[in-house]
Every structure is written in structure tokens, then in C-alpha cells.
Amino acid sequence: MSETTFIHEKWSSRTTFLMAAIGAAVGLGNIWRFPFVTSEYGGGAFVLLYLFFVFIIGLPLIMAELSLGKHGKMGAIGTLQKLIRENNLHSFWKIIGWFSILVPLVALTYYSVVAGWSMAYVFKAATGALNQTDAAGFGSVFGGMLGSFGELSLWHTIYILGIVLVVSSGVRHGLETTIKFMMPALFLIILFLAAYNLAIGDASKSLGFLFSADFSKLSGEAVLAALGQAFFSLAVGVGALITYGAYLPQGVWLPRAAVIIAASDTAVALLASLAIFPIMFSFGMPLTGDPGMMFITLPLAFSQMPGGGIVAILFFLLLSFAAFTSSIAMLEPCIAWLEDKGLGRRKMSWIVGIICWVIGLIMVGSFNEWKDFHPLGFLSFFEGKNIFDVTDFFVANIFLPLNALLMAVFVGWFVSDRLIREQLEIRSDALFSLWRLLVRFVGPVAIAIILVNQISG
């Protein structure tokens, strides 16, 4: 079976595709990181800046990736090979395809470990293990979990097993079935948490902080933070949107789909802030970007509020669902490529899943058995960083933005305008010129700034 003729299973409907793409974009960063950076950089003005970057940088790149997948109808590598042939380009550009498979796959090996914490906390909240009375108690629970290789390995194993079971079952019976349940549940949970926590927490301060813009609080550092958050929250540069675009059904207009994906991803981030800020402000607790806020400070706040036990279960279930739908999208690009090669989905899903599981056990050990092993500690930049930290740095700070940069340059400068315009179905010359301007110039410059800032910072 050749890569040029293999046609993948398609999404059953436009709605299902949109839910899948939103699920790929929505992850721990929306719920975990966005409230923290918004708090750190002044609230409403930062949010407006973030929204600006989402729609001038993220949106055009989402359209670009989806258009590649729609045209190629294969995994990332097969699609890049097809475009290289059609545009008579150098084989160098195939590197985008390889990055689009390897970057999310390596990310899954450590993302699954952190996602496992959320699953563990659903269980802990449901069984009363979070019935603590002070920060020391919650710190002991979290520290005890991190210090246990066995407990972390158990949740990492359960998480990877779930991902493999879903992906191995195919697009219709695996991905769709899961996404149709998890995405509506995710939005219902986050809407309920936002409404309930606003009702019993400090709603006025939260709403004022999030939606009242004080531009005097903005700085150069805040601009870079908003730029980075907008870029990293949309799943661009990781191959998922190329792969999901390859499964597109008929009748999907990509510009509209991209707007829905970007807007939904942003809505989750804002709702997460509305679910967290009222409680944190009400109890005078600090917002921080480390795991302590999610697994120590927030559980402490939940324990002091009416219905806190139920809220804790729902919150960590929300985190688990957001992580799970993103993780499916991390494994799928590799499996799509292997399917292009004529290999069986079920068998390959298990083989690749086992490889991710084994590497993930090393990441688990970074928090306990091998926490004092610093593989690049001889370099001052990596001093004190364990295996988990080093892997995350290279994947998130270098290879992901580098792949997005290459993709923007490739689509903006080397793929024919006719081909892209045909996939995007943009009839207006002015709108297409605007899109091309953003992808050719604004996107690459912005991503280059992010890349340099991540490396130097």
C-alpha cells in the first residue's frame, strides 16, 4: 500500500472534527498556566493582548496546518512528501513531517506523567484522601505521591493504557467515541465550576481583574508572556492539526473552523480563570505557576468552601479530560504515518504506546529514584534540571516552536498560493492577502522571538 494512495478513515461530521481539534488544542496549559500568567501580568490588559496574538498569529497557523492535512489526506510525513513533489522542493522540508511526529510523541512520554497526577487526584478526592485541614497536610499528600515511584508509575500506566485503547480503536470507534463524551463533559464541568465558584467566591474582584484593562501594568515581559501563551495553547507545530485535517469530511470551511477552534480554546482558558480566581481571591491565596498551586493550594481552598469535595472531584476530572484529549492528538500523528506505510493501527498503537510507557517510567523516576540525576548538569544553563526538566525544555522550548517556524515559512513562501487558496476556499483577494501576510511575515517573526526568548530565558 503506497503513501500516495492510502486514504484514511474520515471524521463522521464537521461537529466531530471541531470537537477533536478543540480537544487537541485544549490542555493543561489552558487550565493550569493561563490563570497564573494572567494573574502575574496584570489581568485584563494581558488578556486583551493574548486575544490579539491568538487571532493574528495562532489563527493563520491553524488554517495553514489544516490546509496541509486537507490537501495531503495522509499523515504529516506523507503530506510533506506529497507537497515537496508537487511544488518541486528540496527534501529538507520533510523535516517538518518528522518533527510533527517525534515532538508530540516525546512530549507524550512526560505529559502522561503529569496528567496521571490529575487522575490520581480524582481518586484521592473521591476517597477522602484530600480531607486535610492545612497546607502542610496537602503538601504531604502531594509530596508523598511524587516520592512514590510505584504510585506515579501506576497512574502513568493507566493513563497510557487509556490513550492506546482509544487510538488503537480507530478514528470512528476510538477517537470519535471518546471525544464525543469528553468534550461536552469538559465544557459542562468548566461552566458549572465557573458559575458555582463565582457565586460563592469573590466574583466582583475576579471579573474586574480579568475583564478590566489597565495597560499601565503591561511591560515587555508581559508582551512576550502573552505571545508565548497564545502560541503554546493552540496545538500548532505538533502535527495534530495536519493529521486531523487529513480526516476532514466534506463541507468544512477551514477559516470558520479555525476561528471556532481558536475561540473555544480561549473560552476554556477564560472559564478556567473564572473557576480559579474567585476561590483564590476569596481566601487570599497566591496564584503561582508551579504544581503546588494545582495540587496543594487549590485543594486547600476547596476544603474550606461549601461543597468543596464535589468541586475538587470535578476540577481534577476537568484537568484529566483536558489532558486526555490532547494526549490522543499526540499519539495519533505517529499512528497515521505508520498506517500510511501499510502497517496495522491496532498493533502499531500498542507497540508505540509501550515505547512511550517505558520512556515515561524514566520520567516518573525523575521525581523520586533519580531526582538527583542531572544529565546536563555540567552546563550552567541546565544546572539542577533532572531528566524530566531537560526533556520538557528541548521539546517545548526548542523543537515545538522551531517546527512551527519551519511550517510557517514552508506554507507562506514555498507552497503555491493556488494550492493553499484552493484548500482554504477564500474567495476574497484582500482576505487571502492578509492571511498570506500574517503567515509569511508576522508569524515567523513572532515565533522566532518566542524561540529566542525561550532559549535565553
Protein backbone atom coordinates (compact mmCIF):
# COMPACT_ATOMS: atom_id res chain seq x y z
CA MET A 1 0.00 0.00 0.00
CA SER A 2 1.68 3.24 -1.10
CA GLU A 3 1.74 6.51 0.79
CA THR A 4 0.32 8.30 -2.23
CA THR A 5 -2.86 6.21 -2.48
CA PHE A 6 -3.77 5.35 1.11
CA ILE A 7 -6.88 7.21 2.26
CA HIS A 8 -7.60 7.44 5.98
CA GLU A 9 -10.86 6.99 7.80
CA LYS A 10 -12.69 10.33 7.96
CA TRP A 11 -14.46 12.13 10.78
CA SER A 12 -18.17 11.34 10.69
CA SER A 13 -19.21 15.00 10.76
CA ARG A 14 -17.98 18.58 10.87
CA THR A 15 -19.02 18.85 14.52
CA THR A 16 -16.98 15.81 15.48
CA PHE A 17 -13.93 17.19 13.69
CA LEU A 18 -14.30 20.51 15.51
CA MET A 19 -14.59 18.79 18.89
CA ALA A 20 -11.49 16.72 18.10
CA ALA A 21 -9.47 19.76 17.02
CA ILE A 22 -10.59 21.75 20.07
CA GLY A 23 -9.68 18.78 22.25
CA ALA A 24 -6.21 18.72 20.69
CA ALA A 25 -5.73 22.40 21.49
CA VAL A 26 -7.25 22.45 24.98
CA GLY A 27 -4.82 21.01 27.50
CA LEU A 28 -3.24 21.54 30.87
CA GLY A 29 -1.83 24.88 29.72
CA ASN A 30 -5.32 26.37 29.40
CA ILE A 31 -6.37 25.42 32.91
CA TRP A 32 -3.05 25.35 34.71
CA ARG A 33 -0.87 28.03 33.15
CA PHE A 34 -3.26 30.65 31.77
CA PRO A 35 -4.74 31.76 35.13
CA PHE A 36 -1.24 32.04 36.58
CA VAL A 37 0.28 34.16 33.79
CA THR A 38 -2.85 36.30 33.65
CA SER A 39 -2.50 36.95 37.38
CA GLU A 40 1.22 37.63 37.11
CA TYR A 41 0.90 40.15 34.28
CA GLY A 42 -2.00 42.29 35.36
CA GLY A 43 -5.26 40.69 34.34
CA GLY A 44 -7.48 42.30 31.71
CA ALA A 45 -4.79 44.08 29.69
CA PHE A 46 -2.85 40.84 29.42
CA VAL A 47 -6.00 39.00 28.32
CA LEU A 48 -6.60 41.53 25.51
CA LEU A 49 -3.01 41.19 24.37
CA TYR A 50 -3.32 37.40 24.48
CA LEU A 51 -6.50 37.54 22.37
CA PHE A 52 -4.76 39.79 19.85
CA PHE A 53 -1.90 37.31 19.44
CA VAL A 54 -4.25 34.32 19.22
CA PHE A 55 -6.01 35.82 16.23
CA ILE A 56 -3.09 37.35 14.32
CA ILE A 57 -0.61 34.50 14.89
CA GLY A 58 -2.42 31.39 16.09
CA LEU A 59 -5.43 31.57 13.79
CA PRO A 60 -3.46 31.84 10.50
CA LEU A 61 -1.20 28.96 11.58
CA ILE A 62 -4.20 26.76 12.44
CA MET A 63 -5.54 27.45 8.94
CA ALA A 64 -2.15 26.63 7.44
CA GLU A 65 -1.80 23.28 9.19
CA LEU A 66 -5.36 22.21 8.47
CA SER A 67 -4.96 23.13 4.79
CA LEU A 68 -1.86 20.90 4.54
CA GLY A 69 -3.70 17.94 6.03
CA LYS A 70 -6.79 18.54 3.91
CA HIS A 71 -4.69 18.53 0.75
CA GLY A 72 -2.41 15.63 1.69
CA LYS A 73 -5.05 13.29 3.17
CA MET A 74 -2.17 11.46 4.87
CA GLY A 75 -0.06 11.69 7.98
CA ALA A 76 2.40 14.55 8.35
CA ILE A 77 5.34 12.87 6.60
CA GLY A 78 3.26 11.62 3.68
CA THR A 79 1.66 15.04 3.31
CA LEU A 80 5.03 16.81 3.28
CA GLN A 81 6.38 14.35 0.71
CA LYS A 82 3.38 15.00 -1.50
CA LEU A 83 3.80 18.78 -1.24
CA ILE A 84 7.53 18.54 -1.92
CA ARG A 85 6.85 16.61 -5.13
CA GLU A 86 4.03 18.87 -6.29
CA ASN A 87 5.98 22.07 -5.66
CA ASN A 88 9.35 20.67 -6.80
CA LEU A 89 11.00 21.48 -3.47
CA HIS A 90 14.11 20.28 -1.65
CA SER A 91 13.67 17.17 0.50
CA PHE A 92 14.88 19.22 3.50
CA TRP A 93 11.27 20.24 4.14
CA LYS A 94 10.41 16.67 5.06
CA ILE A 95 11.89 17.56 8.45
CA ILE A 96 8.57 19.24 9.26
CA GLY A 97 6.87 15.87 8.91
CA TRP A 98 9.39 14.17 11.17
CA PHE A 99 9.15 16.91 13.80
CA SER A 100 5.35 16.66 13.61
CA ILE A 101 5.57 13.03 14.66
CA LEU A 102 8.52 13.00 17.05
CA VAL A 103 7.79 16.20 19.00
CA PRO A 104 4.32 15.16 20.21
CA LEU A 105 5.44 11.56 20.75
CA VAL A 106 8.31 12.56 23.05
CA ALA A 107 6.05 15.11 24.75
CA LEU A 108 3.57 12.31 25.50
CA THR A 109 6.22 10.40 27.48
CA TYR A 110 6.33 13.10 30.16
CA TYR A 111 2.93 14.76 29.65
CA SER A 112 1.34 11.43 30.62
CA VAL A 113 3.18 11.52 33.95
CA VAL A 114 1.80 14.96 34.87
CA ALA A 115 -1.65 14.04 33.51
CA GLY A 116 -1.52 10.99 35.76
CA TRP A 117 -1.34 13.33 38.76
CA SER A 118 -4.76 14.70 37.79
CA MET A 119 -6.23 11.21 37.52
CA ALA A 120 -4.71 10.31 40.88
CA TYR A 121 -6.31 13.37 42.47
CA VAL A 122 -9.76 12.48 41.12
CA PHE A 123 -9.37 9.20 43.03
CA LYS A 124 -7.93 10.90 46.11
CA ALA A 125 -10.74 13.47 46.19
CA ALA A 126 -13.39 10.76 45.76
CA THR A 127 -11.96 8.51 48.50
CA GLY A 128 -11.37 11.22 51.10
CA ALA A 129 -7.60 11.30 50.85
CA LEU A 130 -7.84 15.08 50.37
CA ASN A 131 -9.69 15.62 53.64
CA GLN A 132 -6.80 17.67 55.02
CA THR A 133 -7.03 20.80 57.14
CA ASP A 134 -3.94 22.82 56.27
CA ALA A 135 -1.31 23.42 53.59
CA ALA A 136 1.12 21.08 55.34
CA GLY A 137 -1.37 18.23 55.05
CA PHE A 138 -1.97 18.81 51.36
CA GLY A 139 1.76 19.25 50.82
CA SER A 140 2.34 15.89 52.48
CA VAL A 141 -0.19 14.19 50.17
CA PHE A 142 1.36 15.69 47.03
CA GLY A 143 4.93 15.14 48.19
CA GLY A 144 4.14 11.56 49.13
CA MET A 145 2.73 10.89 45.67
CA LEU A 146 5.74 12.40 43.89
CA GLY A 147 8.11 10.47 46.12
CA SER A 148 6.49 7.13 45.30
CA PHE A 149 7.81 5.53 42.12
CA GLY A 150 5.12 2.86 42.41
CA GLU A 151 2.17 5.25 42.72
CA LEU A 152 3.30 7.54 39.90
CA SER A 153 4.04 4.51 37.71
CA LEU A 154 0.55 3.14 38.35
CA TRP A 155 -1.19 6.30 37.19
CA HIS A 156 1.20 6.76 34.28
CA THR A 157 0.43 3.18 33.22
CA ILE A 158 -3.34 3.64 33.50
CA TYR A 159 -3.13 6.87 31.52
CA ILE A 160 -1.02 5.43 28.66
CA LEU A 161 -3.24 2.35 28.58
CA GLY A 162 -6.29 4.56 28.11
CA ILE A 163 -4.66 6.52 25.29
CA VAL A 164 -3.59 3.34 23.48
CA LEU A 165 -7.03 1.74 23.82
CA VAL A 166 -8.65 4.81 22.26
CA VAL A 167 -6.18 5.34 19.40
CA SER A 168 -5.94 1.63 18.56
CA SER A 169 -9.72 1.50 18.06
CA GLY A 170 -9.57 3.88 15.09
CA VAL A 171 -10.90 7.31 14.19
CA ARG A 172 -14.61 6.48 14.31
CA HIS A 173 -14.75 3.92 17.12
CA GLY A 174 -11.87 5.23 19.22
CA LEU A 175 -11.18 8.93 18.84
CA GLU A 176 -14.73 9.97 17.99
CA THR A 177 -16.42 7.95 20.72
CA THR A 178 -14.08 9.36 23.35
CA ILE A 179 -14.19 12.94 22.09
CA LYS A 180 -18.00 12.95 21.83
CA PHE A 181 -18.14 12.16 25.54
CA MET A 182 -15.19 14.08 26.93
CA MET A 183 -15.52 17.42 25.15
CA PRO A 184 -19.17 18.13 26.07
CA ALA A 185 -18.40 16.89 29.59
CA LEU A 186 -15.37 19.19 29.77
CA PHE A 187 -17.41 22.26 28.82
CA LEU A 188 -20.26 21.36 31.18
CA ILE A 189 -17.84 20.88 34.08
CA ILE A 190 -15.92 24.09 33.47
CA LEU A 191 -19.15 26.10 33.06
CA PHE A 192 -20.50 24.69 36.31
CA LEU A 193 -17.25 25.34 38.19
CA ALA A 194 -17.02 28.90 36.90
CA ALA A 195 -20.65 29.66 37.81
CA TYR A 196 -20.50 27.98 41.24
CA ASN A 197 -17.17 29.44 42.27
CA LEU A 198 -18.23 32.91 41.15
CA ALA A 199 -21.40 32.51 43.21
CA ILE A 200 -19.63 31.59 46.44
CA GLY A 201 -16.27 33.31 45.93
CA ASP A 202 -15.10 36.84 45.27
CA ALA A 203 -16.88 37.38 41.94
CA SER A 204 -16.55 41.16 41.70
CA LYS A 205 -12.79 41.16 42.19
CA SER A 206 -12.36 38.25 39.77
CA LEU A 207 -14.48 39.76 36.99
CA GLY A 208 -12.89 43.17 37.45
CA PHE A 209 -9.39 41.73 37.39
CA LEU A 210 -9.99 39.56 34.33
CA PHE A 211 -12.00 41.97 32.18
CA SER A 212 -10.87 45.44 33.25
CA ALA A 213 -7.80 46.50 31.28
CA ASP A 214 -5.08 48.54 32.94
CA PHE A 215 -2.44 48.93 30.24
CA SER A 216 -0.04 50.60 32.65
CA LYS A 217 0.61 47.12 34.07
CA LEU A 218 1.92 45.83 30.75
CA SER A 219 5.65 45.51 30.17
CA GLY A 220 7.92 44.00 27.57
CA GLU A 221 7.98 40.82 29.64
CA ALA A 222 4.17 40.74 29.66
CA VAL A 223 4.05 41.07 25.87
CA LEU A 224 6.41 38.11 25.50
CA ALA A 225 4.36 36.09 28.01
CA ALA A 226 1.12 36.81 26.11
CA LEU A 227 2.78 35.91 22.83
CA GLY A 228 4.11 32.65 24.24
CA GLN A 229 0.82 31.68 25.90
CA ALA A 230 -1.11 32.35 22.68
CA PHE A 231 1.30 30.22 20.69
CA PHE A 232 1.63 27.27 23.06
CA SER A 233 -2.08 26.97 23.84
CA LEU A 234 -3.27 26.24 20.28
CA ALA A 235 -1.53 22.95 19.38
CA VAL A 236 0.25 24.47 16.38
CA GLY A 237 3.55 22.90 15.38
CA VAL A 238 2.83 19.48 16.89
CA GLY A 239 1.38 17.69 13.86
CA ALA A 240 -2.07 17.08 15.33
CA LEU A 241 -3.86 19.60 13.12
CA ILE A 242 -2.19 18.26 9.96
CA THR A 243 -3.29 14.76 10.91
CA TYR A 244 -6.81 15.75 11.96
CA GLY A 245 -7.07 17.83 8.77
CA ALA A 246 -6.32 14.70 6.74
CA TYR A 247 -9.50 13.12 8.14
CA LEU A 248 -11.74 16.07 7.19
CA PRO A 249 -15.24 15.27 5.93
CA GLN A 250 -16.84 17.24 3.13
CA GLY A 251 -18.27 20.69 3.79
CA VAL A 252 -15.75 22.05 6.31
CA TRP A 253 -14.73 25.64 5.57
CA LEU A 254 -11.31 25.95 7.15
CA PRO A 255 -11.35 29.66 8.06
CA ARG A 256 -14.57 29.22 10.03
CA ALA A 257 -13.29 26.02 11.62
CA ALA A 258 -10.05 27.74 12.66
CA VAL A 259 -11.96 30.61 14.28
CA ILE A 260 -14.13 28.15 16.23
CA ILE A 261 -11.06 26.20 17.39
CA ALA A 262 -9.20 29.34 18.50
CA ALA A 263 -12.27 30.88 20.15
CA SER A 264 -13.16 27.66 22.01
CA ASP A 265 -9.60 27.20 23.23
CA THR A 266 -9.61 30.79 24.51
CA ALA A 267 -13.04 30.33 26.13
CA VAL A 268 -11.72 27.37 28.14
CA ALA A 269 -8.77 29.42 29.37
CA LEU A 270 -11.03 32.28 30.46
CA LEU A 271 -13.55 29.95 32.11
CA ALA A 272 -10.71 28.22 33.95
CA SER A 273 -9.67 31.61 35.31
CA LEU A 274 -13.24 32.28 36.42
CA ALA A 275 -13.26 28.90 38.16
CA ILE A 276 -9.98 29.56 39.99
CA PHE A 277 -9.77 33.32 40.71
CA PRO A 278 -12.91 33.69 42.91
CA ILE A 279 -11.74 31.00 45.31
CA MET A 280 -8.12 32.11 45.42
CA PHE A 281 -9.10 35.76 45.91
CA SER A 282 -11.74 34.87 48.50
CA PHE A 283 -9.24 33.00 50.68
CA GLY A 284 -6.31 35.31 49.93
CA MET A 285 -4.22 32.54 48.43
CA PRO A 286 -1.36 33.18 45.97
CA LEU A 287 -1.53 32.22 42.30
CA THR A 288 1.68 30.53 41.22
CA GLY A 289 2.79 28.66 38.11
CA ASP A 290 4.20 25.62 39.86
CA PRO A 291 2.38 22.33 40.53
CA GLY A 292 1.91 23.43 44.12
CA MET A 293 -0.96 25.72 43.15
CA MET A 294 -2.89 22.94 41.42
CA PHE A 295 -2.21 20.16 43.90
CA ILE A 296 -1.70 21.92 47.24
CA THR A 297 -3.14 25.46 47.27
CA LEU A 298 -6.32 24.81 45.27
CA PRO A 299 -7.24 21.63 47.19
CA LEU A 300 -6.74 23.62 50.40
CA ALA A 301 -9.13 26.29 49.07
CA PHE A 302 -11.65 23.63 48.02
CA SER A 303 -11.55 22.13 51.51
CA GLN A 304 -12.69 25.45 53.01
CA MET A 305 -15.65 26.10 50.70
CA PRO A 306 -19.20 24.69 50.66
CA GLY A 307 -19.38 21.58 48.51
CA GLY A 308 -15.61 21.58 48.22
CA GLY A 309 -15.36 17.80 48.00
CA ILE A 310 -17.52 17.69 44.85
CA VAL A 311 -15.74 20.72 43.40
CA ALA A 312 -12.37 19.01 43.88
CA ILE A 313 -13.53 15.86 42.09
CA LEU A 314 -14.93 17.89 39.19
CA PHE A 315 -11.87 20.12 38.93
CA PHE A 316 -9.39 17.25 38.68
CA LEU A 317 -11.74 15.42 36.32
CA LEU A 318 -11.67 18.57 34.18
CA LEU A 319 -7.86 18.52 34.20
CA SER A 320 -7.86 14.83 33.28
CA PHE A 321 -10.24 15.28 30.35
CA ALA A 322 -8.29 18.26 29.00
CA ALA A 323 -5.04 16.32 29.19
CA PHE A 324 -6.53 13.14 27.70
CA THR A 325 -7.95 14.73 24.55
CA SER A 326 -4.60 16.46 23.98
CA SER A 327 -2.72 13.20 24.52
CA ILE A 328 -4.80 11.38 21.92
CA ALA A 329 -3.67 14.04 19.47
CA MET A 330 -0.04 13.46 20.49
CA LEU A 331 -0.10 9.76 19.62
CA GLU A 332 -2.29 9.94 16.51
CA PRO A 333 0.25 11.62 14.14
CA CYS A 334 2.69 8.72 14.57
CA ILE A 335 -0.02 6.10 14.09
CA ALA A 336 -1.31 7.89 10.99
CA TRP A 337 2.19 7.78 9.50
CA LEU A 338 2.52 4.08 10.27
CA GLU A 339 -0.88 3.48 8.66
CA ASP A 340 0.41 5.32 5.58
CA LYS A 341 3.18 2.72 5.48
CA GLY A 342 0.57 -0.05 5.36
CA LEU A 343 1.02 -1.16 8.97
CA GLY A 344 -1.93 -2.10 11.18
CA ARG A 345 -3.29 0.58 13.50
CA ARG A 346 -4.06 -1.70 16.43
CA LYS A 347 -0.66 -3.42 16.52
CA MET A 348 1.30 -0.19 15.97
CA SER A 349 -0.69 1.66 18.64
CA TRP A 350 0.31 -0.93 21.21
CA ILE A 351 3.96 -1.04 20.13
CA VAL A 352 4.35 2.76 20.13
CA GLY A 353 2.33 3.02 23.34
CA ILE A 354 4.61 0.54 25.12
CA ILE A 355 7.67 2.53 23.99
CA CYS A 356 6.12 5.74 25.38
CA TRP A 357 5.24 3.91 28.59
CA VAL A 358 8.80 2.66 29.11
CA ILE A 359 10.32 6.10 28.48
CA GLY A 360 7.66 7.58 30.74
CA LEU A 361 8.86 5.38 33.59
CA ILE A 362 12.19 7.18 33.34
CA MET A 363 10.29 10.48 33.62
CA VAL A 364 8.49 9.08 36.69
CA GLY A 365 11.87 8.34 38.25
CA SER A 366 12.85 11.99 37.81
CA PHE A 367 10.61 12.83 40.75
CA ASN A 368 11.90 10.18 43.14
CA GLU A 369 14.51 7.49 42.43
CA TRP A 370 16.58 9.64 40.06
CA LYS A 371 15.60 13.11 41.20
CA ASP A 372 19.23 14.00 41.90
CA PHE A 373 20.43 12.87 38.47
CA HIS A 374 21.06 15.94 36.31
CA PRO A 375 22.09 14.66 32.85
CA LEU A 376 23.28 18.06 31.59
CA GLY A 377 24.26 19.47 34.96
CA PHE A 378 27.78 20.16 33.71
CA LEU A 379 26.24 23.04 31.72
CA SER A 380 25.31 26.01 33.88
CA PHE A 381 22.04 26.52 31.98
CA PHE A 382 20.84 23.03 32.95
CA GLU A 383 22.18 23.02 36.48
CA GLY A 384 19.69 21.36 38.80
CA LYS A 385 17.46 20.10 35.96
CA ASN A 386 16.51 16.42 36.01
CA ILE A 387 15.61 14.18 33.05
CA PHE A 388 12.01 15.41 33.04
CA ASP A 389 13.07 19.07 33.06
CA VAL A 390 15.65 18.65 30.29
CA THR A 391 13.25 16.73 28.04
CA ASP A 392 10.50 19.29 28.56
CA PHE A 393 12.91 22.14 27.81
CA PHE A 394 14.05 20.75 24.47
CA VAL A 395 10.58 19.67 23.33
CA ALA A 396 8.55 22.70 24.44
CA ASN A 397 11.11 25.48 24.17
CA ILE A 398 13.08 24.49 21.08
CA PHE A 399 11.63 21.80 18.83
CA LEU A 400 7.96 22.78 19.03
CA PRO A 401 8.44 26.48 18.13
CA LEU A 402 11.14 25.52 15.61
CA ASN A 403 8.71 23.21 13.83
CA ALA A 404 6.01 25.89 13.83
CA LEU A 405 8.53 28.37 12.42
CA LEU A 406 9.54 25.98 9.63
CA MET A 407 5.88 25.28 8.88
CA ALA A 408 5.01 28.97 8.61
CA VAL A 409 7.96 29.59 6.27
CA PHE A 410 7.14 26.49 4.21
CA VAL A 411 3.47 27.33 3.74
CA GLY A 412 3.98 31.07 3.36
CA TRP A 413 6.89 31.00 0.92
CA PHE A 414 7.21 27.62 -0.77
CA VAL A 415 3.76 26.09 -1.22
CA SER A 416 1.90 27.53 -4.19
CA ASP A 417 -0.74 30.15 -3.41
CA ARG A 418 -3.15 28.36 -5.73
CA LEU A 419 -2.94 25.13 -3.76
CA ILE A 420 -3.40 26.79 -0.36
CA ARG A 421 -6.19 29.06 -1.56
CA GLU A 422 -7.98 26.05 -3.00
CA GLN A 423 -7.92 24.32 0.39
CA LEU A 424 -8.83 27.43 2.39
CA GLU A 425 -11.59 28.39 -0.08
CA ILE A 426 -11.01 32.11 0.48
CA ARG A 427 -12.64 33.98 -2.40
CA SER A 428 -11.68 37.48 -1.29
CA ASP A 429 -8.30 38.60 -2.63
CA ALA A 430 -7.93 41.02 0.30
CA LEU A 431 -8.57 38.33 2.94
CA PHE A 432 -6.22 35.86 1.30
CA SER A 433 -3.51 38.53 1.04
CA LEU A 434 -3.98 39.31 4.74
CA TRP A 435 -3.66 35.63 5.64
CA ARG A 436 -0.54 35.28 3.49
CA LEU A 437 0.98 38.41 5.05
CA LEU A 438 0.42 37.05 8.55
CA VAL A 439 1.84 33.60 7.73
CA ARG A 440 4.79 34.91 5.69
CA PHE A 441 5.96 37.71 7.92
CA VAL A 442 4.13 38.18 11.23
CA GLY A 443 4.03 34.51 12.23
CA PRO A 444 7.70 33.68 11.57
CA VAL A 445 8.93 36.83 13.29
CA ALA A 446 6.72 36.21 16.33
CA ILE A 447 7.76 32.55 16.59
CA ALA A 448 11.42 33.48 16.20
CA ILE A 449 11.02 35.93 19.10
CA ILE A 450 9.40 33.17 21.20
CA LEU A 451 12.19 30.75 20.30
CA VAL A 452 14.94 33.18 21.23
CA ASN A 453 13.15 34.18 24.42
CA GLN A 454 12.64 30.56 25.46
CA ILE A 455 16.27 29.68 24.89
CA SER A 456 17.69 32.78 26.54
CA GLY A 457 15.17 32.92 29.35
